[in-house]
Amino acid sequence: MNYRTTWEILGSAHGLVHGESFDDGADTLDGYRSVLTGLAPQCWRAPGWETEMRAVATLLKKRHGTPYSAMAVSVTDKAAVTQLAYTLACEPFLIPASEIGREGPRDTDTVRIGTMHRFKGLEFQRVFLADVSEGLVPHQRIEAFRLSNPDHYRQEEQRARSLLFVAATRARDELIVSWHGRSSRYLPRHADRDAGLATSLLAGDGPPSGSNAA
């Protein structure tokens, strides 16, 4: 039984690991249930990383009734952490952000940004999974092992899937997933078709906080 994450978020995360083992203290999600209900996860697609970052900043700004320290953004690597923090800090957003380091989040009212590796054991009211693009999750470099070392390839795929699951289940009330280009193979089959357009957020046409743009 889960008392931390809503049924909607848990259901979406379950889809990421269905039939897979994962590194979160259990070997299966069979029979795993949540007693909480909440918002349906949102999905947003962007034509490029710059547009995606600005869309994430827009969504964060709309949710600032929630303390910044209760919101976190997961990205794929440290370069993306730096780039996103810079975008948030600039006009017109002016959103304070800090990196989740080895010691966890700092005790300040800033949006937390970190790689998926840093999210294990943490909890936030709202979690943004950004950069969930094919070629990044899992990283395209694992393709070098598909034929030469199939066992290692499967291990790397499972590891990437597990990290995504763990990051998704750090959300207590709301989960927002975004990507640029093509969505990760771990997302639902029709994610690219069904996702909201990040460009609409930048044009001021996005839905209000709490709506179900999926």
C-alpha atoms as a PDB file:
ATOM      1  CA  MET A   1       0.000   0.000   0.000  1.00  0.00           C
ATOM      2  CA  ASN A   2       1.308   3.457  -0.926  1.00  0.00           C
ATOM      3  CA  TYR A   3       0.511   6.522   1.200  1.00  0.00           C
ATOM      4  CA  ARG A   4       2.856   8.973  -0.568  1.00  0.00           C
ATOM      5  CA  THR A   5       1.993   8.987  -4.269  1.00  0.00           C
ATOM      6  CA  THR A   6      -1.434   9.359  -5.880  1.00  0.00           C
ATOM      7  CA  TRP A   7      -3.133   6.535  -7.767  1.00  0.00           C
ATOM      8  CA  GLU A   8      -2.811   8.517 -11.009  1.00  0.00           C
ATOM      9  CA  ILE A   9       0.961   8.979 -10.652  1.00  0.00           C
ATOM     10  CA  LEU A  10       1.507   5.423  -9.488  1.00  0.00           C
ATOM     11  CA  GLY A  11      -0.477   4.127 -12.449  1.00  0.00           C
ATOM     12  CA  SER A  12       1.633   6.103 -14.903  1.00  0.00           C
ATOM     13  CA  ALA A  13       4.855   4.977 -13.230  1.00  0.00           C
ATOM     14  CA  HIS A  14       3.649   1.374 -13.288  1.00  0.00           C
ATOM     15  CA  GLY A  15       3.426   1.639 -17.072  1.00  0.00           C
ATOM     16  CA  LEU A  16       7.115   2.498 -17.219  1.00  0.00           C
ATOM     17  CA  VAL A  17       8.200  -0.669 -15.437  1.00  0.00           C
ATOM     18  CA  HIS A  18       5.462  -3.167 -16.272  1.00  0.00           C
ATOM     19  CA  GLY A  19       7.080  -6.568 -16.421  1.00  0.00           C
ATOM     20  CA  GLU A  20      10.437  -5.172 -15.254  1.00  0.00           C
ATOM     21  CA  SER A  21      12.290  -5.253 -11.963  1.00  0.00           C
ATOM     22  CA  PHE A  22      13.349  -1.927 -10.495  1.00  0.00           C
ATOM     23  CA  ASP A  23      15.574  -0.566  -7.767  1.00  0.00           C
ATOM     24  CA  ASP A  24      13.111   0.902  -5.279  1.00  0.00           C
ATOM     25  CA  GLY A  25      12.985  -1.729  -2.581  1.00  0.00           C
ATOM     26  CA  ALA A  26      10.766  -4.252  -4.384  1.00  0.00           C
ATOM     27  CA  ASP A  27      10.933  -6.624  -7.331  1.00  0.00           C
ATOM     28  CA  THR A  28       7.442  -6.095  -8.668  1.00  0.00           C
ATOM     29  CA  LEU A  29       4.523  -3.681  -8.591  1.00  0.00           C
ATOM     30  CA  ASP A  30       1.943  -6.474  -8.679  1.00  0.00           C
ATOM     31  CA  GLY A  31      -0.651  -5.681  -6.030  1.00  0.00           C
ATOM     32  CA  TYR A  32       0.915  -2.297  -5.296  1.00  0.00           C
ATOM     33  CA  ARG A  33      -1.843   0.263  -4.624  1.00  0.00           C
ATOM     34  CA  SER A  34      -2.213   3.888  -3.583  1.00  0.00           C
ATOM     35  CA  VAL A  35      -4.844   5.211  -1.176  1.00  0.00           C
ATOM     36  CA  LEU A  36      -4.500   8.749  -2.616  1.00  0.00           C
ATOM     37  CA  THR A  37      -6.070  10.262  -5.717  1.00  0.00           C
ATOM     38  CA  GLY A  38      -5.183  13.474  -7.516  1.00  0.00           C
ATOM     39  CA  LEU A  39      -4.376  15.143 -10.810  1.00  0.00           C
ATOM     40  CA  ALA A  40      -3.742  13.136 -13.948  1.00  0.00           C
ATOM     41  CA  PRO A  41      -0.123  13.456 -15.105  1.00  0.00           C
ATOM     42  CA  GLN A  42       0.491  15.992 -17.857  1.00  0.00           C
ATOM     43  CA  CYS A  43       2.622  15.418 -20.954  1.00  0.00           C
ATOM     44  CA  TRP A  44       4.164  18.160 -23.106  1.00  0.00           C
ATOM     45  CA  ARG A  45       6.284  17.898 -26.244  1.00  0.00           C
ATOM     46  CA  ALA A  46       8.564  20.566 -27.668  1.00  0.00           C
ATOM     47  CA  PRO A  47      10.445  20.933 -30.952  1.00  0.00           C
ATOM     48  CA  GLY A  48      13.750  21.575 -29.157  1.00  0.00           C
ATOM     49  CA  TRP A  49      15.418  21.745 -25.739  1.00  0.00           C
ATOM     50  CA  GLU A  50      15.288  25.555 -25.527  1.00  0.00           C
ATOM     51  CA  THR A  51      11.529  25.552 -26.079  1.00  0.00           C
ATOM     52  CA  GLU A  52      11.092  22.733 -23.587  1.00  0.00           C
ATOM     53  CA  MET A  53      13.026  24.596 -20.903  1.00  0.00           C
ATOM     54  CA  ARG A  54      10.931  27.733 -21.382  1.00  0.00           C
ATOM     55  CA  ALA A  55       7.748  25.651 -21.257  1.00  0.00           C
ATOM     56  CA  VAL A  56       8.855  24.052 -17.975  1.00  0.00           C
ATOM     57  CA  ALA A  57       9.599  27.523 -16.599  1.00  0.00           C
ATOM     58  CA  THR A  58       6.118  28.692 -17.625  1.00  0.00           C
ATOM     59  CA  LEU A  59       4.469  25.726 -15.913  1.00  0.00           C
ATOM     60  CA  LEU A  60       6.507  26.295 -12.757  1.00  0.00           C
ATOM     61  CA  LYS A  61       5.557  29.970 -12.691  1.00  0.00           C
ATOM     62  CA  LYS A  62       1.854  29.098 -12.972  1.00  0.00           C
ATOM     63  CA  ARG A  63       2.187  26.815  -9.958  1.00  0.00           C
ATOM     64  CA  HIS A  64       3.914  29.252  -7.617  1.00  0.00           C
ATOM     65  CA  GLY A  65       1.013  28.991  -5.197  1.00  0.00           C
ATOM     66  CA  THR A  66       3.054  25.896  -4.308  1.00  0.00           C
ATOM     67  CA  PRO A  67       6.353  26.834  -2.605  1.00  0.00           C
ATOM     68  CA  TYR A  68       9.271  26.632  -5.012  1.00  0.00           C
ATOM     69  CA  SER A  69      11.016  24.241  -2.611  1.00  0.00           C
ATOM     70  CA  ALA A  70       8.110  21.787  -3.022  1.00  0.00           C
ATOM     71  CA  MET A  71       8.702  21.527  -6.777  1.00  0.00           C
ATOM     72  CA  ALA A  72      11.521  19.686  -8.525  1.00  0.00           C
ATOM     73  CA  VAL A  73      12.685  19.101 -12.081  1.00  0.00           C
ATOM     74  CA  SER A  74      14.523  15.962 -13.158  1.00  0.00           C
ATOM     75  CA  VAL A  75      16.815  16.158 -16.192  1.00  0.00           C
ATOM     76  CA  THR A  76      19.210  13.735 -17.839  1.00  0.00           C
ATOM     77  CA  ASP A  77      22.648  15.202 -17.064  1.00  0.00           C
ATOM     78  CA  LYS A  78      24.529  17.992 -15.280  1.00  0.00           C
ATOM     79  CA  ALA A  79      24.761  20.110 -18.421  1.00  0.00           C
ATOM     80  CA  ALA A  80      20.966  20.155 -18.583  1.00  0.00           C
ATOM     81  CA  VAL A  81      20.830  21.115 -14.890  1.00  0.00           C
ATOM     82  CA  THR A  82      22.978  24.178 -15.583  1.00  0.00           C
ATOM     83  CA  GLN A  83      21.074  25.142 -18.728  1.00  0.00           C
ATOM     84  CA  LEU A  84      17.671  24.855 -17.065  1.00  0.00           C
ATOM     85  CA  ALA A  85      18.762  26.794 -13.971  1.00  0.00           C
ATOM     86  CA  TYR A  86      19.966  29.609 -16.236  1.00  0.00           C
ATOM     87  CA  THR A  87      16.668  29.669 -18.173  1.00  0.00           C
ATOM     88  CA  LEU A  88      14.650  29.801 -14.950  1.00  0.00           C
ATOM     89  CA  ALA A  89      16.765  32.653 -13.589  1.00  0.00           C
ATOM     90  CA  CYS A  90      16.379  34.828 -16.682  1.00  0.00           C
ATOM     91  CA  GLU A  91      13.576  37.181 -17.710  1.00  0.00           C
ATOM     92  CA  PRO A  92      10.673  36.809 -17.855  1.00  0.00           C
ATOM     93  CA  PHE A  93      10.676  33.934 -15.354  1.00  0.00           C
ATOM     94  CA  LEU A  94      13.052  34.961 -12.536  1.00  0.00           C
ATOM     95  CA  ILE A  95      12.558  31.638 -10.769  1.00  0.00           C
ATOM     96  CA  PRO A  96      15.162  30.763  -8.114  1.00  0.00           C
ATOM     97  CA  ALA A  97      16.609  27.287  -8.540  1.00  0.00           C
ATOM     98  CA  SER A  98      19.251  25.121  -6.903  1.00  0.00           C
ATOM     99  CA  GLU A  99      20.887  21.852  -7.840  1.00  0.00           C
ATOM    100  CA  ILE A 100      20.159  18.709  -5.854  1.00  0.00           C
ATOM    101  CA  GLY A 101      23.631  17.651  -4.740  1.00  0.00           C
ATOM    102  CA  ARG A 102      24.995  14.577  -3.011  1.00  0.00           C
ATOM    103  CA  GLU A 103      23.691  15.829   0.328  1.00  0.00           C
ATOM    104  CA  GLY A 104      20.194  16.377  -1.032  1.00  0.00           C
ATOM    105  CA  PRO A 105      18.306  19.666  -1.485  1.00  0.00           C
ATOM    106  CA  ARG A 106      19.378  22.858   0.232  1.00  0.00           C
ATOM    107  CA  ASP A 107      16.990  24.310   2.795  1.00  0.00           C
ATOM    108  CA  THR A 108      15.969  27.343   0.705  1.00  0.00           C
ATOM    109  CA  ASP A 109      12.852  28.302  -1.235  1.00  0.00           C
ATOM    110  CA  THR A 110      14.171  27.348  -4.645  1.00  0.00           C
ATOM    111  CA  VAL A 111      13.010  24.960  -7.329  1.00  0.00           C
ATOM    112  CA  ARG A 112      15.136  21.827  -7.095  1.00  0.00           C
ATOM    113  CA  ILE A 113      16.860  20.616 -10.257  1.00  0.00           C
ATOM    114  CA  GLY A 114      18.793  17.370 -10.486  1.00  0.00           C
ATOM    115  CA  THR A 115      19.512  14.287 -12.508  1.00  0.00           C
ATOM    116  CA  MET A 116      17.266  11.273 -11.987  1.00  0.00           C
ATOM    117  CA  HIS A 117      20.041   9.660  -9.907  1.00  0.00           C
ATOM    118  CA  ARG A 118      19.556  12.404  -7.278  1.00  0.00           C
ATOM    119  CA  PHE A 119      15.824  11.858  -6.804  1.00  0.00           C
ATOM    120  CA  LYS A 120      15.888   8.547  -4.963  1.00  0.00           C
ATOM    121  CA  GLY A 121      14.628   8.881  -1.400  1.00  0.00           C
ATOM    122  CA  LEU A 122      13.233  12.403  -1.925  1.00  0.00           C
ATOM    123  CA  GLU A 123       9.649  13.642  -2.136  1.00  0.00           C
ATOM    124  CA  PHE A 124       8.139  16.763  -3.684  1.00  0.00           C
ATOM    125  CA  GLN A 125       4.621  18.059  -4.086  1.00  0.00           C
ATOM    126  CA  ARG A 126       5.085  18.530  -7.836  1.00  0.00           C
ATOM    127  CA  VAL A 127       7.693  16.792  -9.994  1.00  0.00           C
ATOM    128  CA  PHE A 128       8.643  17.645 -13.565  1.00  0.00           C
ATOM    129  CA  LEU A 129      10.355  14.935 -15.590  1.00  0.00           C
ATOM    130  CA  ALA A 130      12.031  16.955 -18.336  1.00  0.00           C
ATOM    131  CA  ASP A 131      14.268  15.834 -21.185  1.00  0.00           C
ATOM    132  CA  VAL A 132      12.460  12.458 -21.487  1.00  0.00           C
ATOM    133  CA  SER A 133      13.354  12.165 -25.175  1.00  0.00           C
ATOM    134  CA  GLU A 134      14.313   9.166 -27.255  1.00  0.00           C
ATOM    135  CA  GLY A 135      18.097   9.083 -27.436  1.00  0.00           C
ATOM    136  CA  LEU A 136      18.368  10.568 -23.930  1.00  0.00           C
ATOM    137  CA  VAL A 137      16.189   8.137 -21.923  1.00  0.00           C
ATOM    138  CA  PRO A 138      17.775   5.698 -22.413  1.00  0.00           C
ATOM    139  CA  HIS A 139      20.870   7.394 -23.764  1.00  0.00           C
ATOM    140  CA  GLN A 140      21.685   6.504 -27.358  1.00  0.00           C
ATOM    141  CA  ARG A 141      25.175   5.345 -26.369  1.00  0.00           C
ATOM    142  CA  ILE A 142      23.742   2.037 -25.131  1.00  0.00           C
ATOM    143  CA  GLU A 143      22.955   1.135 -28.752  1.00  0.00           C
ATOM    144  CA  ALA A 144      26.639   0.254 -29.149  1.00  0.00           C
ATOM    145  CA  PHE A 145      25.938  -2.798 -26.968  1.00  0.00           C
ATOM    146  CA  ARG A 146      22.731  -4.006 -28.635  1.00  0.00           C
ATOM    147  CA  LEU A 147      24.567  -6.558 -30.821  1.00  0.00           C
ATOM    148  CA  SER A 148      28.028  -6.732 -29.270  1.00  0.00           C
ATOM    149  CA  ASN A 149      26.902  -7.299 -25.669  1.00  0.00           C
ATOM    150  CA  PRO A 150      23.132  -7.980 -25.419  1.00  0.00           C
ATOM    151  CA  ASP A 151      23.236  -8.680 -21.675  1.00  0.00           C
ATOM    152  CA  HIS A 152      24.870  -5.332 -20.958  1.00  0.00           C
ATOM    153  CA  TYR A 153      22.388  -3.643 -23.286  1.00  0.00           C
ATOM    154  CA  ARG A 154      19.454  -5.108 -21.346  1.00  0.00           C
ATOM    155  CA  GLN A 155      21.032  -4.079 -18.043  1.00  0.00           C
ATOM    156  CA  GLU A 156      21.454  -0.483 -19.228  1.00  0.00           C
ATOM    157  CA  GLU A 157      17.886  -0.378 -20.543  1.00  0.00           C
ATOM    158  CA  GLN A 158      16.549  -1.679 -17.254  1.00  0.00           C
ATOM    159  CA  ARG A 159      18.683   0.786 -15.297  1.00  0.00           C
ATOM    160  CA  ALA A 160      17.363   3.742 -17.318  1.00  0.00           C
ATOM    161  CA  ARG A 161      13.776   2.552 -16.928  1.00  0.00           C
ATOM    162  CA  SER A 162      14.263   2.098 -13.196  1.00  0.00           C
ATOM    163  CA  LEU A 163      15.669   5.617 -12.778  1.00  0.00           C
ATOM    164  CA  LEU A 164      12.697   7.068 -14.629  1.00  0.00           C
ATOM    165  CA  PHE A 165      10.278   5.136 -12.425  1.00  0.00           C
ATOM    166  CA  VAL A 166      11.978   6.277  -9.225  1.00  0.00           C
ATOM    167  CA  ALA A 167      11.962   9.923 -10.345  1.00  0.00           C
ATOM    168  CA  ALA A 168       8.274   9.716 -11.325  1.00  0.00           C
ATOM    169  CA  THR A 169       7.245   8.341  -7.946  1.00  0.00           C
ATOM    170  CA  ARG A 170       8.905  11.210  -6.077  1.00  0.00           C
ATOM    171  CA  ALA A 171       5.799  13.277  -6.943  1.00  0.00           C
ATOM    172  CA  ARG A 172       3.182  13.462  -4.210  1.00  0.00           C
ATOM    173  CA  ASP A 173       0.408  15.468  -5.936  1.00  0.00           C
ATOM    174  CA  GLU A 174       1.317  16.145  -9.560  1.00  0.00           C
ATOM    175  CA  LEU A 175       3.605  14.740 -12.242  1.00  0.00           C
ATOM    176  CA  ILE A 176       4.469  16.626 -15.442  1.00  0.00           C
ATOM    177  CA  VAL A 177       6.474  14.901 -18.188  1.00  0.00           C
ATOM    178  CA  SER A 178       8.102  16.762 -21.068  1.00  0.00           C
ATOM    179  CA  TRP A 179      10.444  16.050 -23.945  1.00  0.00           C
ATOM    180  CA  HIS A 180      11.756  17.522 -27.168  1.00  0.00           C
ATOM    181  CA  GLY A 181      11.868  15.726 -30.480  1.00  0.00           C
ATOM    182  CA  ARG A 182      10.516  12.186 -30.125  1.00  0.00           C
ATOM    183  CA  SER A 183       9.357  10.854 -26.770  1.00  0.00           C
ATOM    184  CA  SER A 184      11.291   8.135 -24.951  1.00  0.00           C
ATOM    185  CA  ARG A 185      10.383   4.548 -25.792  1.00  0.00           C
ATOM    186  CA  TYR A 186       9.411   4.167 -22.123  1.00  0.00           C
ATOM    187  CA  LEU A 187       6.490   6.581 -22.412  1.00  0.00           C
ATOM    188  CA  PRO A 188       3.065   5.454 -23.670  1.00  0.00           C
ATOM    189  CA  ARG A 189       2.918   4.429 -27.320  1.00  0.00           C
ATOM    190  CA  HIS A 190       0.895   7.454 -28.410  1.00  0.00           C
ATOM    191  CA  ALA A 191       2.645  10.003 -26.191  1.00  0.00           C
ATOM    192  CA  ASP A 192       3.797  12.165 -29.096  1.00  0.00           C
ATOM    193  CA  ARG A 193       0.286  12.250 -30.553  1.00  0.00           C
ATOM    194  CA  ASP A 194      -1.523  12.923 -27.292  1.00  0.00           C
ATOM    195  CA  ALA A 195       0.841  15.378 -25.569  1.00  0.00           C
ATOM    196  CA  GLY A 196       0.192  19.084 -25.299  1.00  0.00           C
ATOM    197  CA  LEU A 197       2.266  21.398 -27.473  1.00  0.00           C
ATOM    198  CA  ALA A 198       4.896  23.258 -25.467  1.00  0.00           C
ATOM    199  CA  THR A 199       4.784  26.093 -27.977  1.00  0.00           C
ATOM    200  CA  SER A 200       1.179  26.799 -26.958  1.00  0.00           C
ATOM    201  CA  LEU A 201       2.357  27.523 -23.421  1.00  0.00           C
ATOM    202  CA  LEU A 202       4.794  30.121 -24.674  1.00  0.00           C
ATOM    203  CA  ALA A 203       2.057  31.740 -26.734  1.00  0.00           C
ATOM    204  CA  GLY A 204      -0.039  32.124 -23.583  1.00  0.00           C
ATOM    205  CA  ASP A 205      -2.524  29.507 -24.716  1.00  0.00           C
ATOM    206  CA  GLY A 206      -1.686  26.723 -22.249  1.00  0.00           C
ATOM    207  CA  PRO A 207      -4.269  25.333 -19.812  1.00  0.00           C
ATOM    208  CA  PRO A 208      -4.364  26.565 -16.219  1.00  0.00           C
ATOM    209  CA  SER A 209      -2.598  24.709 -13.423  1.00  0.00           C
ATOM    210  CA  GLY A 210      -4.341  21.457 -12.573  1.00  0.00           C
ATOM    211  CA  SER A 211      -5.817  20.761 -15.992  1.00  0.00           C
ATOM    212  CA  ASN A 212      -5.228  17.435 -17.693  1.00  0.00           C
ATOM    213  CA  ALA A 213      -3.198  18.140 -20.835  1.00  0.00           C
ATOM    214  CA  ALA A 214      -2.134  14.614 -21.683  1.00  0.00           C
END
